[in-house]
Amino acid sequence: MLEDLKLRVMNVAKRAQRDGMCKHLSGNFSARDPETGYLVITPTQKDRDLLEVPDMVVMDLDANVIENQTGLRPTSESLMHIKIYQERPDVRAVAHTHSMYATVFAVLNRPIPALVYEISNLKCTKDRIPVAPYGRPGTDALAEAVVGPVHEADGFLLRAHGSVAVDETDIEGAYLKVCYVEELAELYYHALACTNGAEPDVLPHEELQAWAYPSAIRLP
């Protein structure tokens, strides 16, 4: 069931491995089917390079496994994904990575400010990428920790853990957003290095409005 959705989630998981956004067995990805309400999620303890479509797990929002063709269990952080879908019914996909620069600021418990316009893609209501309180991976505490941040922004950090992004359309969009989180974290890291730790200038709130294609460009 949901074979196309399984393929898309699997492909994004493999891409994250190739891009260096996840190393070893870290990170997990999911997407929700709007018709059934089920979510397709990556399995635990499976090398992403070896993932195949039947390895993807189908769950409901009560944490019941509906289908696992190869017998694999869903990621141990499934409760976090489920909590996000429960809190944000508009969300269709979740991407969680352990990328280097984002994780540095997650360890520091330091939100990432609005350095460049790309942060507008994350719909940050407070003009920052927030940090969720610490919750041990795989626990209810981690699931509860995301409640505040996921209502504040589409991309956020997990304290001492990694980063998460959500999207209202598809898993590819969620992955793009988590890549924006990493890019902004890397920029912030280098900006702090260049200023000997002094905070760099940030964009004012009015500059961070939704992007629109230039109306002066006339298409045929």
C-alpha atoms as a PDB file:
ATOM      1  CA  MET A   1       0.000   0.000   0.000  1.00  0.00           C
ATOM      2  CA  LEU A   2       1.028   3.622  -0.613  1.00  0.00           C
ATOM      3  CA  GLU A   3       3.817   2.412  -2.879  1.00  0.00           C
ATOM      4  CA  ASP A   4       4.419   5.781  -4.545  1.00  0.00           C
ATOM      5  CA  LEU A   5       4.685   7.530  -1.186  1.00  0.00           C
ATOM      6  CA  LYS A   6       7.073   4.837   0.057  1.00  0.00           C
ATOM      7  CA  LEU A   7       9.288   5.393  -2.982  1.00  0.00           C
ATOM      8  CA  ARG A   8       9.402   9.158  -2.494  1.00  0.00           C
ATOM      9  CA  VAL A   9      10.223   8.955   1.221  1.00  0.00           C
ATOM     10  CA  MET A  10      12.877   6.327   0.531  1.00  0.00           C
ATOM     11  CA  ASN A  11      14.458   8.446  -2.205  1.00  0.00           C
ATOM     12  CA  VAL A  12      14.677  11.480   0.079  1.00  0.00           C
ATOM     13  CA  ALA A  13      16.236   9.363   2.831  1.00  0.00           C
ATOM     14  CA  LYS A  14      18.864   8.121   0.392  1.00  0.00           C
ATOM     15  CA  ARG A  15      19.492  11.652  -0.864  1.00  0.00           C
ATOM     16  CA  ALA A  16      20.035  12.880   2.696  1.00  0.00           C
ATOM     17  CA  GLN A  17      22.692  10.192   3.110  1.00  0.00           C
ATOM     18  CA  ARG A  18      24.431  11.220  -0.131  1.00  0.00           C
ATOM     19  CA  ASP A  19      24.267  14.912   0.765  1.00  0.00           C
ATOM     20  CA  GLY A  20      25.851  14.347   4.173  1.00  0.00           C
ATOM     21  CA  MET A  21      22.748  15.545   6.007  1.00  0.00           C
ATOM     22  CA  CYS A  22      22.601  12.220   7.853  1.00  0.00           C
ATOM     23  CA  LYS A  23      25.491   9.928   8.689  1.00  0.00           C
ATOM     24  CA  HIS A  24      25.503   6.292   9.700  1.00  0.00           C
ATOM     25  CA  LEU A  25      21.981   5.454  10.944  1.00  0.00           C
ATOM     26  CA  SER A  26      20.955   8.918  12.151  1.00  0.00           C
ATOM     27  CA  GLY A  27      17.895  10.830  11.003  1.00  0.00           C
ATOM     28  CA  ASN A  28      14.453   9.748   9.803  1.00  0.00           C
ATOM     29  CA  PHE A  29      11.764  10.812   7.343  1.00  0.00           C
ATOM     30  CA  SER A  30       8.024  10.465   6.946  1.00  0.00           C
ATOM     31  CA  ALA A  31       5.098  11.577   4.819  1.00  0.00           C
ATOM     32  CA  ARG A  32       1.354  11.438   5.506  1.00  0.00           C
ATOM     33  CA  ASP A  33      -1.208  10.234   3.005  1.00  0.00           C
ATOM     34  CA  PRO A  34      -4.184  12.641   3.102  1.00  0.00           C
ATOM     35  CA  GLU A  35      -6.724  10.019   2.016  1.00  0.00           C
ATOM     36  CA  THR A  36      -6.017   7.281   4.558  1.00  0.00           C
ATOM     37  CA  GLY A  37      -4.373   9.457   7.204  1.00  0.00           C
ATOM     38  CA  TYR A  38      -1.580   6.880   7.378  1.00  0.00           C
ATOM     39  CA  LEU A  39       2.065   7.880   7.370  1.00  0.00           C
ATOM     40  CA  VAL A  40       4.967   6.243   5.592  1.00  0.00           C
ATOM     41  CA  ILE A  41       8.114   6.331   7.702  1.00  0.00           C
ATOM     42  CA  THR A  42      11.687   5.099   7.480  1.00  0.00           C
ATOM     43  CA  PRO A  43      12.633   1.982   9.463  1.00  0.00           C
ATOM     44  CA  THR A  44      15.050   1.811  12.372  1.00  0.00           C
ATOM     45  CA  GLN A  45      18.567   0.364  12.156  1.00  0.00           C
ATOM     46  CA  LYS A  46      18.640   0.015   8.381  1.00  0.00           C
ATOM     47  CA  ASP A  47      21.479   1.344   6.232  1.00  0.00           C
ATOM     48  CA  ARG A  48      19.867   3.897   3.914  1.00  0.00           C
ATOM     49  CA  ASP A  49      22.099   2.807   1.051  1.00  0.00           C
ATOM     50  CA  LEU A  50      20.421  -0.605   1.279  1.00  0.00           C
ATOM     51  CA  LEU A  51      16.848   0.630   1.666  1.00  0.00           C
ATOM     52  CA  GLU A  52      14.241  -0.755  -0.706  1.00  0.00           C
ATOM     53  CA  VAL A  53      10.602   0.245  -1.094  1.00  0.00           C
ATOM     54  CA  PRO A  54       9.227  -2.772   0.872  1.00  0.00           C
ATOM     55  CA  ASP A  55      11.373  -1.699   3.853  1.00  0.00           C
ATOM     56  CA  MET A  56       9.279   1.421   4.367  1.00  0.00           C
ATOM     57  CA  VAL A  57       6.783   1.177   7.221  1.00  0.00           C
ATOM     58  CA  VAL A  58       3.155   2.335   7.229  1.00  0.00           C
ATOM     59  CA  MET A  59       1.688   3.560  10.543  1.00  0.00           C
ATOM     60  CA  ASP A  60      -1.397   5.309  11.825  1.00  0.00           C
ATOM     61  CA  LEU A  61      -1.433   8.299  14.164  1.00  0.00           C
ATOM     62  CA  ASP A  62      -2.075   6.010  17.153  1.00  0.00           C
ATOM     63  CA  ALA A  63       1.390   4.476  16.625  1.00  0.00           C
ATOM     64  CA  ASN A  64      -0.006   1.227  15.230  1.00  0.00           C
ATOM     65  CA  VAL A  65       2.081  -0.393  12.496  1.00  0.00           C
ATOM     66  CA  ILE A  66      -0.273  -1.032   9.579  1.00  0.00           C
ATOM     67  CA  GLU A  67       2.252  -2.570   7.203  1.00  0.00           C
ATOM     68  CA  ASN A  68       5.918  -3.603   7.400  1.00  0.00           C
ATOM     69  CA  GLN A  69       6.475  -5.987   4.532  1.00  0.00           C
ATOM     70  CA  THR A  70      10.063  -6.900   5.451  1.00  0.00           C
ATOM     71  CA  GLY A  71       9.454  -7.074   9.191  1.00  0.00           C
ATOM     72  CA  LEU A  72      11.405  -3.933  10.039  1.00  0.00           C
ATOM     73  CA  ARG A  73      10.297  -1.701  12.880  1.00  0.00           C
ATOM     74  CA  PRO A  74       9.606   2.020  12.287  1.00  0.00           C
ATOM     75  CA  THR A  75      12.164   4.536  13.501  1.00  0.00           C
ATOM     76  CA  SER A  76      12.318   4.821  17.286  1.00  0.00           C
ATOM     77  CA  GLU A  77      11.478   8.526  16.846  1.00  0.00           C
ATOM     78  CA  SER A  78       8.078   7.750  15.313  1.00  0.00           C
ATOM     79  CA  LEU A  79       6.340   9.342  18.307  1.00  0.00           C
ATOM     80  CA  MET A  80       7.946  12.677  17.440  1.00  0.00           C
ATOM     81  CA  HIS A  81       6.665  12.450  13.863  1.00  0.00           C
ATOM     82  CA  ILE A  82       3.187  11.491  15.048  1.00  0.00           C
ATOM     83  CA  LYS A  83       3.083  14.369  17.535  1.00  0.00           C
ATOM     84  CA  ILE A  84       3.954  16.821  14.748  1.00  0.00           C
ATOM     85  CA  TYR A  85       1.126  15.529  12.546  1.00  0.00           C
ATOM     86  CA  GLN A  86      -1.281  15.729  15.478  1.00  0.00           C
ATOM     87  CA  GLU A  87      -0.246  19.281  16.344  1.00  0.00           C
ATOM     88  CA  ARG A  88      -0.119  20.467  12.727  1.00  0.00           C
ATOM     89  CA  PRO A  89      -2.875  18.765  10.672  1.00  0.00           C
ATOM     90  CA  ASP A  90      -1.697  20.842   7.695  1.00  0.00           C
ATOM     91  CA  VAL A  91       1.690  19.091   7.661  1.00  0.00           C
ATOM     92  CA  ARG A  92       2.197  16.388   5.044  1.00  0.00           C
ATOM     93  CA  ALA A  93       5.866  15.497   5.637  1.00  0.00           C
ATOM     94  CA  VAL A  94       8.623  15.576   8.260  1.00  0.00           C
ATOM     95  CA  ALA A  95      12.399  15.475   7.758  1.00  0.00           C
ATOM     96  CA  HIS A  96      14.758  14.969  10.703  1.00  0.00           C
ATOM     97  CA  THR A  97      18.521  15.142  10.155  1.00  0.00           C
ATOM     98  CA  HIS A  98      21.746  15.301  12.146  1.00  0.00           C
ATOM     99  CA  SER A  99      23.589  17.710   9.851  1.00  0.00           C
ATOM    100  CA  MET A 100      26.815  19.151  11.229  1.00  0.00           C
ATOM    101  CA  TYR A 101      26.257  22.901  11.597  1.00  0.00           C
ATOM    102  CA  ALA A 102      22.638  22.695  12.698  1.00  0.00           C
ATOM    103  CA  THR A 103      23.611  20.141  15.331  1.00  0.00           C
ATOM    104  CA  VAL A 104      26.386  22.440  16.591  1.00  0.00           C
ATOM    105  CA  PHE A 105      23.801  25.094  17.440  1.00  0.00           C
ATOM    106  CA  ALA A 106      21.443  22.432  18.809  1.00  0.00           C
ATOM    107  CA  VAL A 107      24.250  21.434  21.199  1.00  0.00           C
ATOM    108  CA  LEU A 108      24.756  25.092  22.125  1.00  0.00           C
ATOM    109  CA  ASN A 109      20.983  25.524  22.622  1.00  0.00           C
ATOM    110  CA  ARG A 110      21.277  28.612  20.427  1.00  0.00           C
ATOM    111  CA  PRO A 111      18.521  29.765  18.039  1.00  0.00           C
ATOM    112  CA  ILE A 112      19.638  30.841  14.562  1.00  0.00           C
ATOM    113  CA  PRO A 113      18.695  34.437  13.647  1.00  0.00           C
ATOM    114  CA  ALA A 114      17.419  35.873  10.362  1.00  0.00           C
ATOM    115  CA  LEU A 115      20.744  36.374   8.606  1.00  0.00           C
ATOM    116  CA  VAL A 116      19.514  36.014   5.017  1.00  0.00           C
ATOM    117  CA  TYR A 117      16.161  36.063   3.247  1.00  0.00           C
ATOM    118  CA  GLU A 118      16.041  32.270   2.874  1.00  0.00           C
ATOM    119  CA  ILE A 119      14.822  31.990   6.454  1.00  0.00           C
ATOM    120  CA  SER A 120      11.447  33.218   5.164  1.00  0.00           C
ATOM    121  CA  ASN A 121      10.978  29.756   3.632  1.00  0.00           C
ATOM    122  CA  LEU A 122      10.722  28.376   7.167  1.00  0.00           C
ATOM    123  CA  LYS A 123       7.783  30.611   8.195  1.00  0.00           C
ATOM    124  CA  CYS A 124       9.536  31.614  11.407  1.00  0.00           C
ATOM    125  CA  THR A 125       7.008  33.667  13.363  1.00  0.00           C
ATOM    126  CA  LYS A 126       9.733  35.057  15.655  1.00  0.00           C
ATOM    127  CA  ASP A 127      12.331  35.636  12.911  1.00  0.00           C
ATOM    128  CA  ARG A 128      14.574  32.833  14.163  1.00  0.00           C
ATOM    129  CA  ILE A 129      15.052  29.084  13.950  1.00  0.00           C
ATOM    130  CA  PRO A 130      14.053  28.011  17.475  1.00  0.00           C
ATOM    131  CA  VAL A 131      15.463  25.231  19.648  1.00  0.00           C
ATOM    132  CA  ALA A 132      13.192  22.596  21.170  1.00  0.00           C
ATOM    133  CA  PRO A 133      13.863  21.606  24.792  1.00  0.00           C
ATOM    134  CA  TYR A 134      15.894  18.462  25.286  1.00  0.00           C
ATOM    135  CA  GLY A 135      14.084  15.142  25.102  1.00  0.00           C
ATOM    136  CA  ARG A 136      15.842  11.804  24.985  1.00  0.00           C
ATOM    137  CA  PRO A 137      15.506  10.244  21.505  1.00  0.00           C
ATOM    138  CA  GLY A 138      12.689   7.755  21.191  1.00  0.00           C
ATOM    139  CA  THR A 139      10.757   8.994  24.224  1.00  0.00           C
ATOM    140  CA  ASP A 140       7.489  10.780  24.893  1.00  0.00           C
ATOM    141  CA  ALA A 141       9.616  13.650  26.218  1.00  0.00           C
ATOM    142  CA  LEU A 142      11.088  14.218  22.760  1.00  0.00           C
ATOM    143  CA  ALA A 143       7.622  14.144  21.202  1.00  0.00           C
ATOM    144  CA  GLU A 144       6.333  16.705  23.687  1.00  0.00           C
ATOM    145  CA  ALA A 145       9.410  18.893  23.180  1.00  0.00           C
ATOM    146  CA  VAL A 146       8.488  19.653  19.563  1.00  0.00           C
ATOM    147  CA  VAL A 147       5.031  21.051  20.331  1.00  0.00           C
ATOM    148  CA  GLY A 148       6.098  24.671  20.846  1.00  0.00           C
ATOM    149  CA  PRO A 149       8.707  24.913  18.072  1.00  0.00           C
ATOM    150  CA  VAL A 150       6.544  23.308  15.366  1.00  0.00           C
ATOM    151  CA  HIS A 151       3.922  26.006  15.955  1.00  0.00           C
ATOM    152  CA  GLU A 152       6.609  28.695  15.797  1.00  0.00           C
ATOM    153  CA  ALA A 153       8.369  27.624  12.600  1.00  0.00           C
ATOM    154  CA  ASP A 154       8.540  25.009   9.858  1.00  0.00           C
ATOM    155  CA  GLY A 155      12.186  24.379  10.763  1.00  0.00           C
ATOM    156  CA  PHE A 156      13.726  24.056  14.206  1.00  0.00           C
ATOM    157  CA  LEU A 157      16.547  22.481  16.195  1.00  0.00           C
ATOM    158  CA  LEU A 158      16.311  19.673  18.742  1.00  0.00           C
ATOM    159  CA  ARG A 159      18.541  20.508  21.685  1.00  0.00           C
ATOM    160  CA  ALA A 160      21.709  18.364  21.719  1.00  0.00           C
ATOM    161  CA  HIS A 161      20.288  16.281  18.889  1.00  0.00           C
ATOM    162  CA  GLY A 162      19.715  17.644  15.372  1.00  0.00           C
ATOM    163  CA  SER A 163      17.155  19.470  13.252  1.00  0.00           C
ATOM    164  CA  VAL A 164      13.602  19.014  11.983  1.00  0.00           C
ATOM    165  CA  ALA A 165      11.605  20.565   9.157  1.00  0.00           C
ATOM    166  CA  VAL A 166       8.004  20.097   8.076  1.00  0.00           C
ATOM    167  CA  ASP A 167       6.113  20.840   4.886  1.00  0.00           C
ATOM    168  CA  GLU A 168       2.455  21.173   3.977  1.00  0.00           C
ATOM    169  CA  THR A 169       2.928  19.672   0.517  1.00  0.00           C
ATOM    170  CA  ASP A 170       5.423  16.808   0.278  1.00  0.00           C
ATOM    171  CA  ILE A 171       8.547  15.094   1.587  1.00  0.00           C
ATOM    172  CA  GLU A 172      10.733  16.842  -0.977  1.00  0.00           C
ATOM    173  CA  GLY A 173       9.602  20.180   0.445  1.00  0.00           C
ATOM    174  CA  ALA A 174      10.375  19.084   4.009  1.00  0.00           C
ATOM    175  CA  TYR A 175      13.849  18.008   2.936  1.00  0.00           C
ATOM    176  CA  LEU A 176      14.471  21.326   1.175  1.00  0.00           C
ATOM    177  CA  LYS A 177      13.534  23.145   4.374  1.00  0.00           C
ATOM    178  CA  VAL A 178      15.839  21.079   6.560  1.00  0.00           C
ATOM    179  CA  CYS A 179      18.602  21.887   4.059  1.00  0.00           C
ATOM    180  CA  TYR A 180      17.793  25.585   4.537  1.00  0.00           C
ATOM    181  CA  VAL A 181      18.202  25.074   8.292  1.00  0.00           C
ATOM    182  CA  GLU A 182      21.660  23.607   7.726  1.00  0.00           C
ATOM    183  CA  GLU A 183      22.649  26.377   5.297  1.00  0.00           C
ATOM    184  CA  LEU A 184      21.586  29.079   7.746  1.00  0.00           C
ATOM    185  CA  ALA A 185      23.426  27.333  10.566  1.00  0.00           C
ATOM    186  CA  GLU A 186      26.603  27.179   8.488  1.00  0.00           C
ATOM    187  CA  LEU A 187      26.323  30.879   7.603  1.00  0.00           C
ATOM    188  CA  TYR A 188      25.772  31.763  11.257  1.00  0.00           C
ATOM    189  CA  TYR A 189      28.770  29.692  12.317  1.00  0.00           C
ATOM    190  CA  HIS A 190      31.088  31.436   9.853  1.00  0.00           C
ATOM    191  CA  ALA A 191      29.649  34.878  10.617  1.00  0.00           C
ATOM    192  CA  LEU A 192      30.397  34.381  14.313  1.00  0.00           C
ATOM    193  CA  ALA A 193      33.886  33.186  13.462  1.00  0.00           C
ATOM    194  CA  CYS A 194      34.535  36.301  11.356  1.00  0.00           C
ATOM    195  CA  THR A 195      33.341  38.653  14.122  1.00  0.00           C
ATOM    196  CA  ASN A 196      35.102  36.854  16.998  1.00  0.00           C
ATOM    197  CA  GLY A 197      31.746  35.810  18.403  1.00  0.00           C
ATOM    198  CA  ALA A 198      29.915  39.128  18.026  1.00  0.00           C
ATOM    199  CA  GLU A 199      26.356  38.765  16.759  1.00  0.00           C
ATOM    200  CA  PRO A 200      26.032  39.638  13.060  1.00  0.00           C
ATOM    201  CA  ASP A 201      23.384  42.022  11.724  1.00  0.00           C
ATOM    202  CA  VAL A 202      20.020  40.443  10.992  1.00  0.00           C
ATOM    203  CA  LEU A 203      17.232  41.292   8.573  1.00  0.00           C
ATOM    204  CA  PRO A 204      14.293  43.316   9.918  1.00  0.00           C
ATOM    205  CA  HIS A 205      10.929  41.591  10.225  1.00  0.00           C
ATOM    206  CA  GLU A 206       9.366  43.530   7.351  1.00  0.00           C
ATOM    207  CA  GLU A 207      11.959  42.098   4.970  1.00  0.00           C
ATOM    208  CA  LEU A 208      10.916  38.535   5.741  1.00  0.00           C
ATOM    209  CA  GLN A 209       7.529  38.551   4.062  1.00  0.00           C
ATOM    210  CA  ALA A 210       6.467  35.806   1.703  1.00  0.00           C
ATOM    211  CA  TRP A 211       8.374  35.760  -1.574  1.00  0.00           C
ATOM    212  CA  ALA A 212       6.512  36.577  -4.778  1.00  0.00           C
ATOM    213  CA  TYR A 213       7.651  36.153  -8.359  1.00  0.00           C
ATOM    214  CA  PRO A 214       8.393  39.576  -9.941  1.00  0.00           C
ATOM    215  CA  SER A 215       5.208  40.867 -11.578  1.00  0.00           C
ATOM    216  CA  ALA A 216       7.273  42.924 -14.061  1.00  0.00           C
ATOM    217  CA  ILE A 217       8.410  39.728 -15.807  1.00  0.00           C
ATOM    218  CA  ARG A 218       5.967  38.982 -18.640  1.00  0.00           C
ATOM    219  CA  LEU A 219       5.724  35.386 -19.755  1.00  0.00           C
ATOM    220  CA  PRO A 220       4.637  34.486 -23.296  1.00  0.00           C
END
